[in-house]
Every structure is written in structure tokens, then in C-alpha cells.
């Protein structure tokens, strides 16, 4: 257990790699504070994820303009191919369901759709065409949202993917595992997952990018030091679970907590 401003805060992150996609769940322990209570305790409105992508083949934004090699996922407005609507906030899950609902809105991309009383889920199944040796780097952060694009980074992990479905399509943001099926011509997968990355170990230019997106707890070399919320917020153990079998996971199983007792290699 750890404390924030003298108050106990507990939580845990579990990451699961079921080839070829990655899923992460942040959860308050059973019998402890709910996520909303934990967020309020720390001065946040709620939790969400923020993901930055570094890819050799960046897609276009909703207006057809090619993104830079490094961008946050999904970009403002979403992606044109496949058509996925996104709000203008920097977070992975949409902060609200739009009204009226546009034709390219994908059900399940609202942060509330990925939350229970004590869990917040992240999942991704990117698929892009790569040349030999190429891959996409993902850096994913659990963040505490204060308001708008003002947030604090609470935990960080990174992973790489060279997965391609082999069907001629491509997508960076492909978060819904309901439609996950085995593609006979698929190749690659998720690899090189780095756990519990300290904020201070991230490159200065990367931290500057996060600050530019609204992070308020990152120390830059020429800035006045501020209290590091991430160092005070205990997110518990971060464990990877490698399943022996390829399987389809339905959305109703999304909030299940994966434990070492699962049939897995640890």
C-alpha cells in the first residue's frame, strides 16, 4: 500500500497478451475503493488511457492529411480508414458519446463502455503492412483526467507490433476485440513489452510532447519541479500473462481479472 496526501491508495494493472492483441486492465482491489472514489481521492474526475504511436507508415487523419510518424492515438476526429469517429481530446477512449451519433461512431469506444465500478480496460489490435524488420512502437499511459486535456500520467508501459491481418486492410486504432478472428494469412504480433517505465526515464523530447498534450506532473530539465503524482500513486504489480492458446475474447469478458493461476506461462 502507498499513500497520496496521507490517504491510502491501492490498485493494480494487469496486462494480457493473447496473440496478436494486447489488453490491459487497471483495477481497484476487491473490497477497496472504487475507481471513481480513487479518482476523487487523488483530485481527478476519472481515469482514461493515453497512447502515443511511432510508426514508419503513419495513417491519415479524418481530413485525409498524413499524420507525422509520432502521434497520439486516435487523432482528433478519428480515422477515415477504417472509418472511426473520435473526439478532440487526447485520450484513447472517447470522453463522451456524441449527440447526434455520427455514422462513423463505433460503439464501445466511450470510456464508460470500458469501465466497471473497479476496472478500466485498454485493448488494441493494430494491423499494418510492414517491410521486413519494421514495426510500430506504442507507448501507453494510464492517466488521471482532471478536466479537458489536463491530466496526470500515473503509469506507463510500451509495446511493439508488426502484426498484419493479411487481408489488404490496415488500422492503428482497432480496439474492439469482439470482431477478432483468426486470419489465415496473418503474420507478426505484439512483442518487446516494457513494464513500469519511470517517467524520468522517458526521453526529454517525449516528456515535452506529453506536457504539450496537457500532462501536469512531468518534470522537465528547465522547469520548476512539481510533486510527481505518479510516484505517489501506487498502481501495484504489473504482470504479463502469455497465453498458450490463440483464442477469441468476447467483450463481456473484458473486465475479468487475469491472475497467475490462469493457464499461462509467466
Protein backbone atom coordinates (compact mmCIF):
# COMPACT_ATOMS: atom_id res chain seq x y z
CA UNK A 1 0.00 0.00 0.00
CA UNK A 2 1.06 3.58 -0.59
CA UNK A 3 -0.45 6.93 0.29
CA UNK A 4 -1.27 10.12 -1.52
CA UNK A 5 -1.56 13.18 0.73
CA UNK A 6 -1.75 10.85 3.71
CA UNK A 7 -4.59 8.73 2.35
CA UNK A 8 -4.22 5.08 1.31
CA UNK A 9 -4.48 4.36 -2.39
CA UNK A 10 -4.26 0.91 -3.92
CA UNK A 11 -4.66 -0.51 -7.37
CA UNK A 12 -3.18 -2.95 -9.82
CA UNK A 13 -2.54 -3.18 -13.54
CA UNK A 14 -2.66 -6.48 -15.36
CA UNK A 15 -1.57 -6.77 -18.98
CA UNK A 16 -2.56 -9.73 -21.10
CA UNK A 17 -1.05 -10.71 -24.42
CA UNK A 18 -3.30 -13.06 -26.36
CA UNK A 19 -1.75 -13.23 -29.83
CA UNK A 20 -1.96 -10.98 -31.68
CA UNK A 21 -3.51 -8.30 -29.47
CA UNK A 22 -2.81 -6.69 -26.13
CA UNK A 23 -5.25 -5.94 -23.33
CA UNK A 24 -4.64 -4.10 -20.09
CA UNK A 25 -6.91 -3.72 -17.07
CA UNK A 26 -6.46 -1.25 -14.25
CA UNK A 27 -8.48 -2.32 -11.25
CA UNK A 28 -9.07 -1.39 -7.65
CA UNK A 29 -8.69 -4.47 -5.41
CA UNK A 30 -11.86 -6.21 -4.31
CA UNK A 31 -13.24 -4.62 -1.19
CA UNK A 32 -11.25 -1.43 -1.69
CA UNK A 33 -12.25 1.94 -3.08
CA UNK A 34 -13.99 2.04 -6.45
CA UNK A 35 -12.24 3.72 -9.35
CA UNK A 36 -14.42 6.81 -9.02
CA UNK A 37 -13.57 7.04 -5.32
CA UNK A 38 -9.88 6.56 -6.06
CA UNK A 39 -10.04 9.25 -8.74
CA UNK A 40 -11.75 11.69 -6.38
CA UNK A 41 -9.22 10.90 -3.66
CA UNK A 42 -6.41 11.94 -5.98
CA UNK A 43 -8.16 15.02 -7.30
CA UNK A 44 -9.17 13.53 -10.66
CA UNK A 45 -12.54 13.38 -12.32
CA UNK A 46 -11.89 9.90 -13.72
CA UNK A 47 -9.25 7.70 -15.35
CA UNK A 48 -8.52 7.07 -19.02
CA UNK A 49 -5.63 5.93 -21.20
CA UNK A 50 -3.36 7.93 -23.48
CA UNK A 51 -1.40 6.24 -26.25
CA UNK A 52 1.37 7.59 -28.46
CA UNK A 53 2.35 5.83 -31.66
CA UNK A 54 5.64 5.83 -33.54
CA UNK A 55 5.22 4.11 -36.89
CA UNK A 56 7.14 4.03 -40.18
CA UNK A 57 3.87 4.20 -42.10
CA UNK A 58 1.60 6.79 -40.43
CA UNK A 59 -2.05 6.84 -41.49
CA UNK A 60 -4.04 9.92 -42.46
CA UNK A 61 -6.30 11.89 -40.16
CA UNK A 62 -10.02 12.33 -40.67
CA UNK A 63 -9.34 15.11 -43.21
CA UNK A 64 -7.02 12.96 -45.31
CA UNK A 65 -3.82 14.66 -44.11
CA UNK A 66 -0.99 12.25 -43.36
CA UNK A 67 -0.01 12.23 -39.70
CA UNK A 68 3.58 12.58 -38.54
CA UNK A 69 5.47 9.44 -37.57
CA UNK A 70 4.68 10.18 -33.90
CA UNK A 71 1.09 10.99 -32.96
CA UNK A 72 -1.47 10.26 -30.28
CA UNK A 73 -3.99 7.56 -30.95
CA UNK A 74 -6.66 8.20 -32.09
CA UNK A 75 -6.02 11.69 -33.54
CA UNK A 76 -8.64 14.47 -33.33
CA UNK A 77 -11.73 13.40 -35.24
CA UNK A 78 -10.57 9.81 -35.65
CA UNK A 79 -9.50 7.87 -38.74
CA UNK A 80 -11.00 7.73 -42.23
CA UNK A 81 -9.98 4.11 -42.93
CA UNK A 82 -11.48 2.18 -41.36
CA UNK A 83 -13.95 4.95 -40.51
CA UNK A 84 -13.72 5.54 -36.76
CA UNK A 85 -15.01 8.69 -35.06
CA UNK A 86 -13.03 10.18 -32.17
CA UNK A 87 -13.47 13.29 -30.05
CA UNK A 88 -10.91 16.10 -29.90
CA UNK A 89 -9.41 15.07 -26.57
CA UNK A 90 -6.01 13.38 -26.39
CA UNK A 91 -7.22 10.24 -24.61
CA UNK A 92 -7.57 6.75 -26.05
CA UNK A 93 -11.24 6.28 -25.18
CA UNK A 94 -13.78 8.96 -26.07
CA UNK A 95 -14.78 11.14 -23.14
CA UNK A 96 -18.46 11.14 -24.13
CA UNK A 97 -20.86 9.60 -26.62
CA UNK A 98 -21.53 12.20 -29.33
CA UNK A 99 -25.02 13.50 -29.90
CA UNK A 100 -26.24 13.11 -32.53
CA UNK A 101 -24.26 9.95 -33.12
CA UNK A 102 -22.31 10.18 -36.42
CA UNK A 103 -22.31 7.33 -38.89
CA UNK A 104 -18.64 6.55 -38.23
CA UNK A 105 -19.03 6.33 -34.45
CA UNK A 106 -18.03 2.90 -33.21
CA UNK A 107 -19.93 1.55 -30.23
CA UNK A 108 -17.62 0.62 -27.37
CA UNK A 109 -15.12 3.47 -27.78
CA UNK A 110 -16.57 5.59 -24.94
CA UNK A 111 -14.53 5.43 -21.72
CA UNK A 112 -17.65 4.45 -19.80
CA UNK A 113 -18.11 1.41 -22.05
CA UNK A 114 -14.70 0.19 -20.88
CA UNK A 115 -15.23 0.77 -17.17
CA UNK A 116 -16.84 -1.10 -14.32
CA UNK A 117 -17.08 0.01 -10.72
CA UNK A 118 -13.50 -1.09 -10.11
CA UNK A 119 -11.84 -1.66 -13.51
CA UNK A 120 -10.78 0.33 -16.55
CA UNK A 121 -9.81 -1.62 -19.65
CA UNK A 122 -7.48 -0.93 -22.56
CA UNK A 123 -7.20 -3.10 -25.63
CA UNK A 124 -5.71 -2.76 -29.08
CA UNK A 125 -5.31 -4.89 -32.18
CA UNK A 126 -3.31 -2.82 -34.70
CA UNK A 127 -2.80 -4.23 -38.18
CA UNK A 128 -0.47 -2.60 -40.71
CA UNK A 129 1.60 -3.77 -43.65
CA UNK A 130 5.33 -3.81 -42.88
CA UNK A 131 8.57 -4.35 -44.72
CA UNK A 132 10.99 -6.88 -43.19
CA UNK A 133 12.31 -5.60 -39.86
CA UNK A 134 9.71 -2.83 -39.49
CA UNK A 135 7.30 -2.44 -36.59
CA UNK A 136 5.19 0.15 -34.77
CA UNK A 137 6.10 1.32 -31.27
CA UNK A 138 3.25 2.04 -28.84
CA UNK A 139 3.66 3.84 -25.52
CA UNK A 140 0.55 3.61 -23.36
CA UNK A 141 -0.19 5.59 -20.22
CA UNK A 142 -2.79 5.26 -17.50
CA UNK A 143 -3.81 8.86 -16.80
CA UNK A 144 -5.90 10.68 -14.24
CA UNK A 145 -8.14 13.17 -16.04
CA UNK A 146 -8.78 16.47 -14.26
CA UNK A 147 -10.71 18.37 -16.91
CA UNK A 148 -10.50 18.67 -20.67
CA UNK A 149 -6.96 17.82 -21.76
CA UNK A 150 -5.46 18.42 -18.32
CA UNK A 151 -4.23 15.13 -16.87
CA UNK A 152 -1.54 13.41 -14.82
CA UNK A 153 0.44 10.39 -16.01
CA UNK A 154 0.11 7.55 -13.48
CA UNK A 155 1.69 4.53 -15.14
CA UNK A 156 3.49 3.80 -18.40
CA UNK A 157 4.23 0.72 -20.48
CA UNK A 158 5.37 0.27 -24.07
CA UNK A 159 4.99 -2.45 -26.65
CA UNK A 160 5.72 -3.13 -30.30
CA UNK A 161 3.64 -4.72 -33.02
CA UNK A 162 4.34 -5.95 -36.51
CA UNK A 163 1.00 -7.72 -36.84
CA UNK A 164 -0.76 -7.73 -40.19
CA UNK A 165 -4.05 -9.47 -40.86
CA UNK A 166 -3.03 -10.17 -44.44
CA UNK A 167 -6.36 -9.06 -45.88
CA UNK A 168 -5.18 -5.83 -47.52
CA UNK A 169 -6.57 -3.55 -44.80
CA UNK A 170 -4.75 -1.63 -42.09
CA UNK A 171 -5.54 0.09 -38.81
CA UNK A 172 -3.64 1.54 -35.87
CA UNK A 173 -6.66 2.03 -33.62
CA UNK A 174 -8.53 -1.27 -33.65
CA UNK A 175 -9.67 -1.58 -30.10
CA UNK A 176 -12.71 -3.84 -30.20
CA UNK A 177 -11.86 -7.49 -29.78
CA UNK A 178 -15.41 -8.73 -30.42
CA UNK A 179 -14.59 -9.00 -34.12
CA UNK A 180 -11.23 -10.67 -33.58
CA UNK A 181 -10.92 -13.76 -35.72
CA UNK A 182 -8.05 -15.85 -37.00
CA UNK A 183 -6.83 -14.68 -40.39
CA UNK A 184 -5.12 -17.48 -42.33
CA UNK A 185 -2.65 -15.08 -43.99
CA UNK A 186 -1.83 -13.07 -40.85
CA UNK A 187 1.73 -12.51 -39.68
CA UNK A 188 3.64 -10.90 -36.81
CA UNK A 189 2.24 -9.90 -33.44
CA UNK A 190 2.94 -7.99 -30.22
CA UNK A 191 6.45 -8.17 -28.79
CA UNK A 192 9.02 -6.40 -26.59
CA UNK A 193 6.60 -5.25 -23.89
CA UNK A 194 8.32 -2.97 -21.38
CA UNK A 195 6.64 -2.69 -17.99
CA UNK A 196 6.55 0.03 -15.31
CA UNK A 197 8.54 2.63 -17.22
CA UNK A 198 9.51 5.53 -14.89
CA UNK A 199 8.51 8.94 -16.19
CA UNK A 200 12.01 10.30 -15.64
CA UNK A 201 13.47 7.60 -17.91
CA UNK A 202 11.46 8.77 -20.91
CA UNK A 203 13.37 10.96 -23.40
CA UNK A 204 13.13 14.69 -22.73
CA UNK A 205 11.53 15.34 -26.11
CA UNK A 206 8.89 12.71 -25.37
CA UNK A 207 8.13 14.25 -21.97
CA UNK A 208 7.86 17.66 -23.61
CA UNK A 209 5.34 16.16 -26.03
CA UNK A 210 3.27 14.84 -23.12
CA UNK A 211 3.39 18.23 -21.41
CA UNK A 212 2.26 19.83 -24.66
CA UNK A 213 -0.72 17.47 -24.68
CA UNK A 214 -1.71 18.57 -21.16
CA UNK A 215 0.29 16.49 -18.65
CA UNK A 216 0.79 18.47 -15.43
CA UNK A 217 3.04 16.17 -13.39
CA UNK A 218 6.08 15.78 -15.65
CA UNK A 219 9.37 17.34 -14.67
CA UNK A 220 11.35 18.89 -17.50
CA UNK A 221 15.02 19.80 -17.18
CA UNK A 222 14.37 23.56 -17.20
CA UNK A 223 11.09 23.60 -15.33
CA UNK A 224 10.38 24.09 -11.65
CA UNK A 225 9.96 20.66 -10.02
CA UNK A 226 6.40 19.76 -9.16
CA UNK A 227 5.08 16.93 -6.97
CA UNK A 228 5.12 13.79 -9.07
CA UNK A 229 1.69 12.23 -8.74
CA UNK A 230 2.92 9.12 -10.50
CA UNK A 231 5.50 8.50 -7.77
CA UNK A 232 2.81 8.77 -5.10
CA UNK A 233 0.15 6.72 -6.83
CA UNK A 234 0.56 3.01 -6.27
CA UNK A 235 -0.64 1.01 -9.22
CA UNK A 236 0.66 -2.22 -7.79
CA UNK A 237 2.26 -5.05 -9.70
CA UNK A 238 2.31 -5.02 -13.47
CA UNK A 239 2.35 -8.59 -14.72
CA UNK A 240 2.33 -10.02 -18.20
CA UNK A 241 0.36 -13.16 -18.92
CA UNK A 242 1.29 -15.09 -22.05
CA UNK A 243 -1.47 -17.48 -23.06
CA UNK A 244 -0.58 -20.79 -24.66
CA UNK A 245 -3.51 -20.72 -26.98
CA UNK A 246 -4.93 -18.31 -29.52
CA UNK A 247 -8.49 -17.55 -28.57
CA UNK A 248 -11.34 -15.19 -29.22
CA UNK A 249 -12.26 -12.97 -26.30
CA UNK A 250 -15.74 -11.52 -26.23
CA UNK A 251 -16.43 -8.07 -24.82
CA UNK A 252 -18.48 -9.46 -21.93
CA UNK A 253 -15.25 -10.99 -20.59
CA UNK A 254 -13.38 -7.70 -20.79
CA UNK A 255 -13.49 -6.88 -17.09
CA UNK A 256 -12.29 -10.29 -15.92
CA UNK A 257 -9.14 -10.00 -13.82
CA UNK A 258 -6.34 -12.22 -15.16
CA UNK A 259 -4.31 -13.91 -12.43
CA UNK A 260 -1.18 -16.10 -12.42
CA UNK A 261 -3.39 -19.11 -11.77
CA UNK A 262 -4.73 -18.83 -15.32
CA UNK A 263 -3.43 -21.47 -17.73
CA UNK A 264 -0.44 -19.43 -18.80
CA UNK A 265 3.30 -19.00 -18.97
CA UNK A 266 4.60 -16.37 -16.58
